[in-house]
């Protein structure tokens, strides 16, 4: 299972987001990081995309651990996040059949 996480925050919150990120405990070993990317948009701030992977048998535990990490940022001014569980195309088709 692939989990793609999006987060956005204004330029004014960069220091606080960085501070909190450095304080986060590591995710469990069964959650594998596949890449983390950051880009900025003039007038909007920063946008992060994190791509994570976990075995299907650990789906709930992985989602819970990731959500708990993102909740650490919830009271940062202007911070928002979105966590999406994604399936491979073949898996999604099988679910719809």
PDB file of N, CA and C in Angstrom:
ATOM      1  N   UNK A   1       0.849  -1.164   0.000  1.00  0.00           N
ATOM      2  CA  UNK A   1       0.000   0.000   0.000  1.00  0.00           C
ATOM      3  C   UNK A   1       0.899   1.233   0.000  1.00  0.00           C
ATOM      4  N   UNK A   2       0.510   2.212  -0.785  1.00  0.00           N
ATOM      5  CA  UNK A   2       1.236   3.474  -0.848  1.00  0.00           C
ATOM      6  C   UNK A   2       0.383   4.541  -0.173  1.00  0.00           C
ATOM      7  N   UNK A   3       1.028   5.360   0.632  1.00  0.00           N
ATOM      8  CA  UNK A   3       0.346   6.465   1.305  1.00  0.00           C
ATOM      9  C   UNK A   3       1.048   7.745   0.871  1.00  0.00           C
ATOM     10  N   UNK A   4       0.283   8.664   0.320  1.00  0.00           N
ATOM     11  CA  UNK A   4       0.840   9.943  -0.117  1.00  0.00           C
ATOM     12  C   UNK A   4       0.284  11.028   0.793  1.00  0.00           C
ATOM     13  N   UNK A   5       1.192  11.786   1.379  1.00  0.00           N
ATOM     14  CA  UNK A   5       0.817  12.833   2.336  1.00  0.00           C
ATOM     15  C   UNK A   5       1.162  14.199   1.753  1.00  0.00           C
ATOM     16  N   UNK A   6       0.216  15.095   1.824  1.00  0.00           N
ATOM     17  CA  UNK A   6       0.401  16.463   1.354  1.00  0.00           C
ATOM     18  C   UNK A   6       0.284  17.391   2.553  1.00  0.00           C
ATOM     19  N   UNK A   7       1.151  18.383   2.632  1.00  0.00           N
ATOM     20  CA  UNK A   7       0.989  19.397   3.671  1.00  0.00           C
ATOM     21  C   UNK A   7       1.357  20.756   3.094  1.00  0.00           C
ATOM     22  N   UNK A   8       0.709  21.775   3.614  1.00  0.00           N
ATOM     23  CA  UNK A   8       0.899  23.145   3.148  1.00  0.00           C
ATOM     24  C   UNK A   8       0.990  24.066   4.352  1.00  0.00           C
ATOM     25  N   UNK A   9       1.833  25.093   4.241  1.00  0.00           N
ATOM     26  CA  UNK A   9       1.930  26.076   5.319  1.00  0.00           C
ATOM     27  C   UNK A   9       2.536  27.366   4.770  1.00  0.00           C
ATOM     28  N   UNK A  10       2.190  28.485   5.385  1.00  0.00           N
ATOM     29  CA  UNK A  10       2.700  29.771   4.910  1.00  0.00           C
ATOM     30  C   UNK A  10       4.169  29.971   5.299  1.00  0.00           C
ATOM     31  N   UNK A  11       4.812  30.878   4.620  1.00  0.00           N
ATOM     32  CA  UNK A  11       6.223  31.183   4.871  1.00  0.00           C
ATOM     33  C   UNK A  11       6.458  31.536   6.336  1.00  0.00           C
ATOM     34  N   UNK A  12       5.510  32.236   6.960  1.00  0.00           N
ATOM     35  CA  UNK A  12       5.662  32.656   8.349  1.00  0.00           C
ATOM     36  C   UNK A  12       5.763  31.471   9.312  1.00  0.00           C
ATOM     37  N   UNK A  13       5.330  30.300   8.907  1.00  0.00           N
ATOM     38  CA  UNK A  13       5.325  29.129   9.791  1.00  0.00           C
ATOM     39  C   UNK A  13       6.499  28.180   9.556  1.00  0.00           C
ATOM     40  N   UNK A  14       7.416  28.526   8.664  1.00  0.00           N
ATOM     41  CA  UNK A  14       8.524  27.627   8.320  1.00  0.00           C
ATOM     42  C   UNK A  14       9.350  27.244   9.544  1.00  0.00           C
ATOM     43  N   UNK A  15       9.710  28.198  10.371  1.00  0.00           N
ATOM     44  CA  UNK A  15      10.550  27.892  11.541  1.00  0.00           C
ATOM     45  C   UNK A  15       9.848  26.935  12.493  1.00  0.00           C
ATOM     46  N   UNK A  16       8.571  27.154  12.739  1.00  0.00           N
ATOM     47  CA  UNK A  16       7.832  26.290  13.665  1.00  0.00           C
ATOM     48  C   UNK A  16       7.646  24.891  13.079  1.00  0.00           C
ATOM     49  N   UNK A  17       7.349  24.801  11.792  1.00  0.00           N
ATOM     50  CA  UNK A  17       7.196  23.492  11.149  1.00  0.00           C
ATOM     51  C   UNK A  17       8.523  22.730  11.212  1.00  0.00           C
ATOM     52  N   UNK A  18       9.619  23.400  10.911  1.00  0.00           N
ATOM     53  CA  UNK A  18      10.938  22.760  10.959  1.00  0.00           C
ATOM     54  C   UNK A  18      11.262  22.279  12.365  1.00  0.00           C
ATOM     55  N   UNK A  19      10.999  23.111  13.354  1.00  0.00           N
ATOM     56  CA  UNK A  19      11.255  22.746  14.752  1.00  0.00           C
ATOM     57  C   UNK A  19      10.475  21.493  15.134  1.00  0.00           C
ATOM     58  N   UNK A  20       9.204  21.480  14.817  1.00  0.00           N
ATOM     59  CA  UNK A  20       8.363  20.331  15.184  1.00  0.00           C
ATOM     60  C   UNK A  20       8.750  19.076  14.411  1.00  0.00           C
ATOM     61  N   UNK A  21       9.136  19.255  13.156  1.00  0.00           N
ATOM     62  CA  UNK A  21       9.561  18.104  12.360  1.00  0.00           C
ATOM     63  C   UNK A  21      10.779  17.439  12.995  1.00  0.00           C
ATOM     64  N   UNK A  22      11.709  18.247  13.475  1.00  0.00           N
ATOM     65  CA  UNK A  22      12.924  17.712  14.093  1.00  0.00           C
ATOM     66  C   UNK A  22      12.625  16.993  15.409  1.00  0.00           C
ATOM     67  N   UNK A  23      11.522  17.317  16.043  1.00  0.00           N
ATOM     68  CA  UNK A  23      11.142  16.698  17.322  1.00  0.00           C
ATOM     69  C   UNK A  23      10.333  15.408  17.153  1.00  0.00           C
ATOM     70  N   UNK A  24       9.867  15.136  15.946  1.00  0.00           N
ATOM     71  CA  UNK A  24       9.008  13.966  15.728  1.00  0.00           C
ATOM     72  C   UNK A  24       9.755  12.663  15.993  1.00  0.00           C
ATOM     73  N   UNK A  25       9.082  11.713  16.649  1.00  0.00           N
ATOM     74  CA  UNK A  25       9.691  10.378  16.749  1.00  0.00           C
ATOM     75  C   UNK A  25       9.654   9.705  15.374  1.00  0.00           C
ATOM     76  N   UNK A  26      10.545   8.753  15.171  1.00  0.00           N
ATOM     77  CA  UNK A  26      10.559   8.018  13.902  1.00  0.00           C
ATOM     78  C   UNK A  26       9.263   7.235  13.739  1.00  0.00           C
ATOM     79  N   UNK A  27       8.856   7.081  12.498  1.00  0.00           N
ATOM     80  CA  UNK A  27       7.708   6.220  12.211  1.00  0.00           C
ATOM     81  C   UNK A  27       8.128   4.767  12.442  1.00  0.00           C
ATOM     82  N   UNK A  28       7.173   3.877  12.680  1.00  0.00           N
ATOM     83  CA  UNK A  28       7.516   2.463  12.878  1.00  0.00           C
ATOM     84  C   UNK A  28       8.280   1.904  11.667  1.00  0.00           C
ATOM     85  N   UNK A  29       9.077   0.877  11.912  1.00  0.00           N
ATOM     86  CA  UNK A  29       9.897   0.284  10.853  1.00  0.00           C
ATOM     87  C   UNK A  29       9.087  -0.238   9.671  1.00  0.00           C
ATOM     88  N   UNK A  30       7.823  -0.601   9.906  1.00  0.00           N
ATOM     89  CA  UNK A  30       7.021  -1.138   8.801  1.00  0.00           C
ATOM     90  C   UNK A  30       6.490  -0.047   7.870  1.00  0.00           C
ATOM     91  N   UNK A  31       6.734   1.222   8.195  1.00  0.00           N
ATOM     92  CA  UNK A  31       6.395   2.339   7.308  1.00  0.00           C
ATOM     93  C   UNK A  31       7.698   2.786   6.646  1.00  0.00           C
ATOM     94  N   UNK A  32       7.777   2.601   5.352  1.00  0.00           N
ATOM     95  CA  UNK A  32       8.999   2.912   4.603  1.00  0.00           C
ATOM     96  C   UNK A  32       8.832   4.213   3.828  1.00  0.00           C
ATOM     97  N   UNK A  33       9.765   5.137   4.029  1.00  0.00           N
ATOM     98  CA  UNK A  33       9.760   6.380   3.278  1.00  0.00           C
ATOM     99  C   UNK A  33      10.309   6.164   1.877  1.00  0.00           C
ATOM    100  N   UNK A  34       9.584   6.595   0.867  1.00  0.00           N
ATOM    101  CA  UNK A  34      10.017   6.451  -0.523  1.00  0.00           C
ATOM    102  C   UNK A  34      10.467   7.775  -1.119  1.00  0.00           C
ATOM    103  N   UNK A  35      10.195   8.869  -0.438  1.00  0.00           N
ATOM    104  CA  UNK A  35      10.620  10.175  -0.923  1.00  0.00           C
ATOM    105  C   UNK A  35       9.833  11.285  -0.267  1.00  0.00           C
ATOM    106  N   UNK A  36      10.506  12.402  -0.070  1.00  0.00           N
ATOM    107  CA  UNK A  36       9.871  13.579   0.507  1.00  0.00           C
ATOM    108  C   UNK A  36      10.298  14.772  -0.342  1.00  0.00           C
ATOM    109  N   UNK A  37       9.326  15.562  -0.767  1.00  0.00           N
ATOM    110  CA  UNK A  37       9.591  16.646  -1.698  1.00  0.00           C
ATOM    111  C   UNK A  37       8.935  17.933  -1.201  1.00  0.00           C
ATOM    112  N   UNK A  38       9.614  19.045  -1.450  1.00  0.00           N
ATOM    113  CA  UNK A  38       9.115  20.351  -1.022  1.00  0.00           C
ATOM    114  C   UNK A  38       9.211  21.313  -2.202  1.00  0.00           C
ATOM    115  N   UNK A  39       8.181  22.125  -2.369  1.00  0.00           N
ATOM    116  CA  UNK A  39       8.247  23.206  -3.342  1.00  0.00           C
ATOM    117  C   UNK A  39       7.508  24.408  -2.768  1.00  0.00           C
ATOM    118  N   UNK A  40       7.804  25.578  -3.303  1.00  0.00           N
ATOM    119  CA  UNK A  40       7.137  26.786  -2.812  1.00  0.00           C
ATOM    120  C   UNK A  40       6.364  27.438  -3.948  1.00  0.00           C
ATOM    121  N   UNK A  41       5.332  28.161  -3.550  1.00  0.00           N
ATOM    122  CA  UNK A  41       4.514  28.904  -4.493  1.00  0.00           C
ATOM    123  C   UNK A  41       4.460  30.346  -4.004  1.00  0.00           C
ATOM    124  N   UNK A  42       4.807  31.282  -4.872  1.00  0.00           N
ATOM    125  CA  UNK A  42       4.800  32.688  -4.503  1.00  0.00           C
ATOM    126  C   UNK A  42       3.433  33.090  -3.973  1.00  0.00           C
ATOM    127  N   UNK A  43       3.418  33.705  -2.813  1.00  0.00           N
ATOM    128  CA  UNK A  43       2.180  34.178  -2.218  1.00  0.00           C
ATOM    129  C   UNK A  43       1.412  33.125  -1.441  1.00  0.00           C
ATOM    130  N   UNK A  44       1.794  31.856  -1.561  1.00  0.00           N
ATOM    131  CA  UNK A  44       1.082  30.791  -0.856  1.00  0.00           C
ATOM    132  C   UNK A  44       1.915  30.150   0.242  1.00  0.00           C
ATOM    133  N   UNK A  45       3.196  29.970   0.008  1.00  0.00           N
ATOM    134  CA  UNK A  45       4.046  29.321   0.998  1.00  0.00           C
ATOM    135  C   UNK A  45       4.622  28.020   0.484  1.00  0.00           C
ATOM    136  N   UNK A  46       4.778  27.079   1.398  1.00  0.00           N
ATOM    137  CA  UNK A  46       5.436  25.813   1.082  1.00  0.00           C
ATOM    138  C   UNK A  46       4.445  24.663   0.994  1.00  0.00           C
ATOM    139  N   UNK A  47       4.792  23.706   0.155  1.00  0.00           N
ATOM    140  CA  UNK A  47       3.980  22.515  -0.063  1.00  0.00           C
ATOM    141  C   UNK A  47       4.911  21.311   0.033  1.00  0.00           C
ATOM    142  N   UNK A  48       4.552  20.351   0.844  1.00  0.00           N
ATOM    143  CA  UNK A  48       5.341  19.126   1.004  1.00  0.00           C
ATOM    144  C   UNK A  48       4.548  17.942   0.477  1.00  0.00           C
ATOM    145  N   UNK A  49       5.262  17.014  -0.117  1.00  0.00           N
ATOM    146  CA  UNK A  49       4.675  15.745  -0.542  1.00  0.00           C
ATOM    147  C   UNK A  49       5.580  14.646   0.001  1.00  0.00           C
ATOM    148  N   UNK A  50       5.017  13.738   0.776  1.00  0.00           N
ATOM    149  CA  UNK A  50       5.767  12.596   1.300  1.00  0.00           C
ATOM    150  C   UNK A  50       5.130  11.323   0.758  1.00  0.00           C
ATOM    151  N   UNK A  51       5.959  10.437   0.246  1.00  0.00           N
ATOM    152  CA  UNK A  51       5.476   9.163  -0.280  1.00  0.00           C
ATOM    153  C   UNK A  51       5.978   8.062   0.644  1.00  0.00           C
ATOM    154  N   UNK A  52       5.044   7.312   1.191  1.00  0.00           N
ATOM    155  CA  UNK A  52       5.351   6.256   2.153  1.00  0.00           C
ATOM    156  C   UNK A  52       4.758   4.943   1.665  1.00  0.00           C
ATOM    157  N   UNK A  53       5.285   3.852   2.186  1.00  0.00           N
ATOM    158  CA  UNK A  53       4.795   2.539   1.787  1.00  0.00           C
ATOM    159  C   UNK A  53       4.707   1.642   3.015  1.00  0.00           C
ATOM    160  N   UNK A  54       3.690   0.790   3.040  1.00  0.00           N
ATOM    161  CA  UNK A  54       3.519  -0.178   4.127  1.00  0.00           C
ATOM    162  C   UNK A  54       2.833  -1.415   3.569  1.00  0.00           C
ATOM    163  N   UNK A  55       3.072  -2.537   4.212  1.00  0.00           N
ATOM    164  CA  UNK A  55       2.389  -3.770   3.818  1.00  0.00           C
ATOM    165  C   UNK A  55       0.893  -3.618   4.087  1.00  0.00           C
ATOM    166  N   UNK A  56       0.086  -4.218   3.245  1.00  0.00           N
ATOM    167  CA  UNK A  56      -1.367  -4.152   3.417  1.00  0.00           C
ATOM    168  C   UNK A  56      -1.805  -4.653   4.789  1.00  0.00           C
ATOM    169  N   UNK A  57      -1.100  -5.647   5.317  1.00  0.00           N
ATOM    170  CA  UNK A  57      -1.470  -6.218   6.620  1.00  0.00           C
ATOM    171  C   UNK A  57      -1.251  -5.233   7.763  1.00  0.00           C
ATOM    172  N   UNK A  58      -0.481  -4.185   7.509  1.00  0.00           N
ATOM    173  CA  UNK A  58      -0.200  -3.168   8.529  1.00  0.00           C
ATOM    174  C   UNK A  58      -0.876  -1.834   8.198  1.00  0.00           C
ATOM    175  N   UNK A  59      -1.864  -1.866   7.318  1.00  0.00           N
ATOM    176  CA  UNK A  59      -2.491  -0.638   6.818  1.00  0.00           C
ATOM    177  C   UNK A  59      -3.021   0.254   7.933  1.00  0.00           C
ATOM    178  N   UNK A  60      -3.808  -0.295   8.831  1.00  0.00           N
ATOM    179  CA  UNK A  60      -4.394   0.526   9.893  1.00  0.00           C
ATOM    180  C   UNK A  60      -3.312   1.089  10.805  1.00  0.00           C
ATOM    181  N   UNK A  61      -2.364   0.257  11.202  1.00  0.00           N
ATOM    182  CA  UNK A  61      -1.294   0.725  12.079  1.00  0.00           C
ATOM    183  C   UNK A  61      -0.464   1.819  11.401  1.00  0.00           C
ATOM    184  N   UNK A  62      -0.189   1.648  10.113  1.00  0.00           N
ATOM    185  CA  UNK A  62       0.580   2.649   9.372  1.00  0.00           C
ATOM    186  C   UNK A  62      -0.186   3.965   9.297  1.00  0.00           C
ATOM    187  N   UNK A  63      -1.463   3.890   8.930  1.00  0.00           N
ATOM    188  CA  UNK A  63      -2.280   5.101   8.822  1.00  0.00           C
ATOM    189  C   UNK A  63      -2.363   5.816  10.168  1.00  0.00           C
ATOM    190  N   UNK A  64      -2.552   5.063  11.243  1.00  0.00           N
ATOM    191  CA  UNK A  64      -2.627   5.660  12.582  1.00  0.00           C
ATOM    192  C   UNK A  64      -1.323   6.358  12.959  1.00  0.00           C
ATOM    193  N   UNK A  65      -0.181   5.722  12.698  1.00  0.00           N
ATOM    194  CA  UNK A  65       1.119   6.303  13.046  1.00  0.00           C
ATOM    195  C   UNK A  65       1.386   7.577  12.248  1.00  0.00           C
ATOM    196  N   UNK A  66       1.047   7.553  10.971  1.00  0.00           N
ATOM    197  CA  UNK A  66       1.262   8.721  10.117  1.00  0.00           C
ATOM    198  C   UNK A  66       0.346   9.865  10.541  1.00  0.00           C
ATOM    199  N   UNK A  67      -0.915   9.558  10.802  1.00  0.00           N
ATOM    200  CA  UNK A  67      -1.861  10.584  11.251  1.00  0.00           C
ATOM    201  C   UNK A  67      -1.393  11.209  12.557  1.00  0.00           C
ATOM    202  N   UNK A  68      -0.933  10.394  13.480  1.00  0.00           N
ATOM    203  CA  UNK A  68      -0.441  10.906  14.767  1.00  0.00           C
ATOM    204  C   UNK A  68       0.716  11.884  14.552  1.00  0.00           C
ATOM    205  N   UNK A  69       1.597  11.581  13.618  1.00  0.00           N
ATOM    206  CA  UNK A  69       2.713  12.486  13.323  1.00  0.00           C
ATOM    207  C   UNK A  69       2.211  13.819  12.774  1.00  0.00           C
ATOM    208  N   UNK A  70       1.254  13.778  11.856  1.00  0.00           N
ATOM    209  CA  UNK A  70       0.743  15.017  11.268  1.00  0.00           C
ATOM    210  C   UNK A  70      -0.063  15.846  12.264  1.00  0.00           C
ATOM    211  N   UNK A  71      -0.689  15.212  13.220  1.00  0.00           N
ATOM    212  CA  UNK A  71      -1.435  15.957  14.238  1.00  0.00           C
ATOM    213  C   UNK A  71      -0.516  16.834  15.081  1.00  0.00           C
ATOM    214  N   UNK A  72       0.763  16.507  15.104  1.00  0.00           N
ATOM    215  CA  UNK A  72       1.759  17.293  15.843  1.00  0.00           C
ATOM    216  C   UNK A  72       1.846  18.734  15.314  1.00  0.00           C
ATOM    217  N   UNK A  73       1.400  18.951  14.086  1.00  0.00           N
ATOM    218  CA  UNK A  73       1.501  20.265  13.437  1.00  0.00           C
ATOM    219  C   UNK A  73       0.179  21.032  13.411  1.00  0.00           C
ATOM    220  N   UNK A  74      -0.873  20.430  13.901  1.00  0.00           N
ATOM    221  CA  UNK A  74      -2.221  20.956  13.706  1.00  0.00           C
ATOM    222  C   UNK A  74      -2.415  22.397  14.176  1.00  0.00           C
ATOM    223  N   UNK A  75      -1.749  22.802  15.258  1.00  0.00           N
ATOM    224  CA  UNK A  75      -1.951  24.166  15.751  1.00  0.00           C
ATOM    225  C   UNK A  75      -0.933  25.176  15.209  1.00  0.00           C
ATOM    226  N   UNK A  76      -0.122  24.769  14.226  1.00  0.00           N
ATOM    227  CA  UNK A  76       0.782  25.718  13.572  1.00  0.00           C
ATOM    228  C   UNK A  76      -0.072  26.601  12.663  1.00  0.00           C
ATOM    229  N   UNK A  77       0.040  27.928  12.779  1.00  0.00           N
ATOM    230  CA  UNK A  77      -0.789  28.822  11.966  1.00  0.00           C
ATOM    231  C   UNK A  77      -0.681  28.538  10.462  1.00  0.00           C
ATOM    232  N   UNK A  78      -1.834  28.312   9.841  1.00  0.00           N
ATOM    233  CA  UNK A  78      -1.909  28.110   8.403  1.00  0.00           C
ATOM    234  C   UNK A  78      -1.541  26.723   7.912  1.00  0.00           C
ATOM    235  N   UNK A  79      -1.235  25.798   8.828  1.00  0.00           N
ATOM    236  CA  UNK A  79      -0.811  24.449   8.428  1.00  0.00           C
ATOM    237  C   UNK A  79      -2.025  23.594   8.089  1.00  0.00           C
ATOM    238  N   UNK A  80      -1.931  22.852   7.004  1.00  0.00           N
ATOM    239  CA  UNK A  80      -2.980  21.888   6.665  1.00  0.00           C
ATOM    240  C   UNK A  80      -2.320  20.647   6.074  1.00  0.00           C
ATOM    241  N   UNK A  81      -3.019  19.518   6.179  1.00  0.00           N
ATOM    242  CA  UNK A  81      -2.475  18.287   5.618  1.00  0.00           C
ATOM    243  C   UNK A  81      -3.590  17.421   5.059  1.00  0.00           C
ATOM    244  N   UNK A  82      -3.190  16.487   4.208  1.00  0.00           N
ATOM    245  CA  UNK A  82      -4.112  15.536   3.592  1.00  0.00           C
ATOM    246  C   UNK A  82      -3.347  14.228   3.421  1.00  0.00           C
ATOM    247  N   UNK A  83      -3.889  13.139   3.935  1.00  0.00           N
ATOM    248  CA  UNK A  83      -3.253  11.827   3.840  1.00  0.00           C
ATOM    249  C   UNK A  83      -4.119  10.961   2.936  1.00  0.00           C
ATOM    250  N   UNK A  84      -3.509  10.396   1.905  1.00  0.00           N
ATOM    251  CA  UNK A  84      -4.268   9.587   0.945  1.00  0.00           C
ATOM    252  C   UNK A  84      -3.669   8.191   0.819  1.00  0.00           C
ATOM    253  N   UNK A  85      -4.510   7.199   1.029  1.00  0.00           N
ATOM    254  CA  UNK A  85      -4.115   5.805   0.833  1.00  0.00           C
ATOM    255  C   UNK A  85      -4.382   5.471  -0.629  1.00  0.00           C
ATOM    256  N   UNK A  86      -3.362   4.989  -1.318  1.00  0.00           N
ATOM    257  CA  UNK A  86      -3.471   4.737  -2.754  1.00  0.00           C
ATOM    258  C   UNK A  86      -3.246   3.262  -3.066  1.00  0.00           C
ATOM    259  N   UNK A  87      -3.926   2.811  -4.092  1.00  0.00           N
ATOM    260  CA  UNK A  87      -3.789   1.438  -4.568  1.00  0.00           C
ATOM    261  C   UNK A  87      -3.120   1.442  -5.933  1.00  0.00           C
ATOM    262  N   UNK A  88      -2.448   0.349  -6.266  1.00  0.00           N
ATOM    263  CA  UNK A  88      -1.969   0.173  -7.630  1.00  0.00           C
ATOM    264  C   UNK A  88      -3.204   0.018  -8.510  1.00  0.00           C
ATOM    265  N   UNK A  89      -3.078   0.371  -9.775  1.00  0.00           N
ATOM    266  CA  UNK A  89      -4.232   0.341 -10.679  1.00  0.00           C
ATOM    267  C   UNK A  89      -4.912  -1.025 -10.681  1.00  0.00           C
ATOM    268  N   UNK A  90      -4.147  -2.091 -10.738  1.00  0.00           N
ATOM    269  CA  UNK A  90      -4.722  -3.436 -10.746  1.00  0.00           C
ATOM    270  C   UNK A  90      -5.496  -3.742  -9.484  1.00  0.00           C
ATOM    271  N   UNK A  91      -4.989  -3.290  -8.346  1.00  0.00           N
ATOM    272  CA  UNK A  91      -5.677  -3.500  -7.070  1.00  0.00           C
ATOM    273  C   UNK A  91      -6.991  -2.731  -7.031  1.00  0.00           C
ATOM    274  N   UNK A  92      -6.971  -1.507  -7.526  1.00  0.00           N
ATOM    275  CA  UNK A  92      -8.187  -0.688  -7.539  1.00  0.00           C
ATOM    276  C   UNK A  92      -9.246  -1.303  -8.447  1.00  0.00           C
ATOM    277  N   UNK A  93      -8.824  -1.799  -9.598  1.00  0.00           N
ATOM    278  CA  UNK A  93      -9.769  -2.428 -10.524  1.00  0.00           C
ATOM    279  C   UNK A  93     -10.392  -3.657  -9.887  1.00  0.00           C
ATOM    280  N   UNK A  94      -9.581  -4.443  -9.188  1.00  0.00           N
ATOM    281  CA  UNK A  94     -10.096  -5.641  -8.512  1.00  0.00           C
ATOM    282  C   UNK A  94     -11.137  -5.275  -7.458  1.00  0.00           C
ATOM    283  N   UNK A  95     -10.939  -4.166  -6.766  1.00  0.00           N
ATOM    284  CA  UNK A  95     -11.905  -3.721  -5.757  1.00  0.00           C
ATOM    285  C   UNK A  95     -13.230  -3.309  -6.385  1.00  0.00           C
ATOM    286  N   UNK A  96     -13.158  -2.732  -7.577  1.00  0.00           N
ATOM    287  CA  UNK A  96     -14.363  -2.238  -8.240  1.00  0.00           C
ATOM    288  C   UNK A  96     -15.138  -3.332  -8.960  1.00  0.00           C
ATOM    289  N   UNK A  97     -14.490  -4.458  -9.206  1.00  0.00           N
ATOM    290  CA  UNK A  97     -15.133  -5.538  -9.976  1.00  0.00           C
ATOM    291  C   UNK A  97     -16.140  -6.291  -9.141  1.00  0.00           C
TER     292      UNK A  97
END
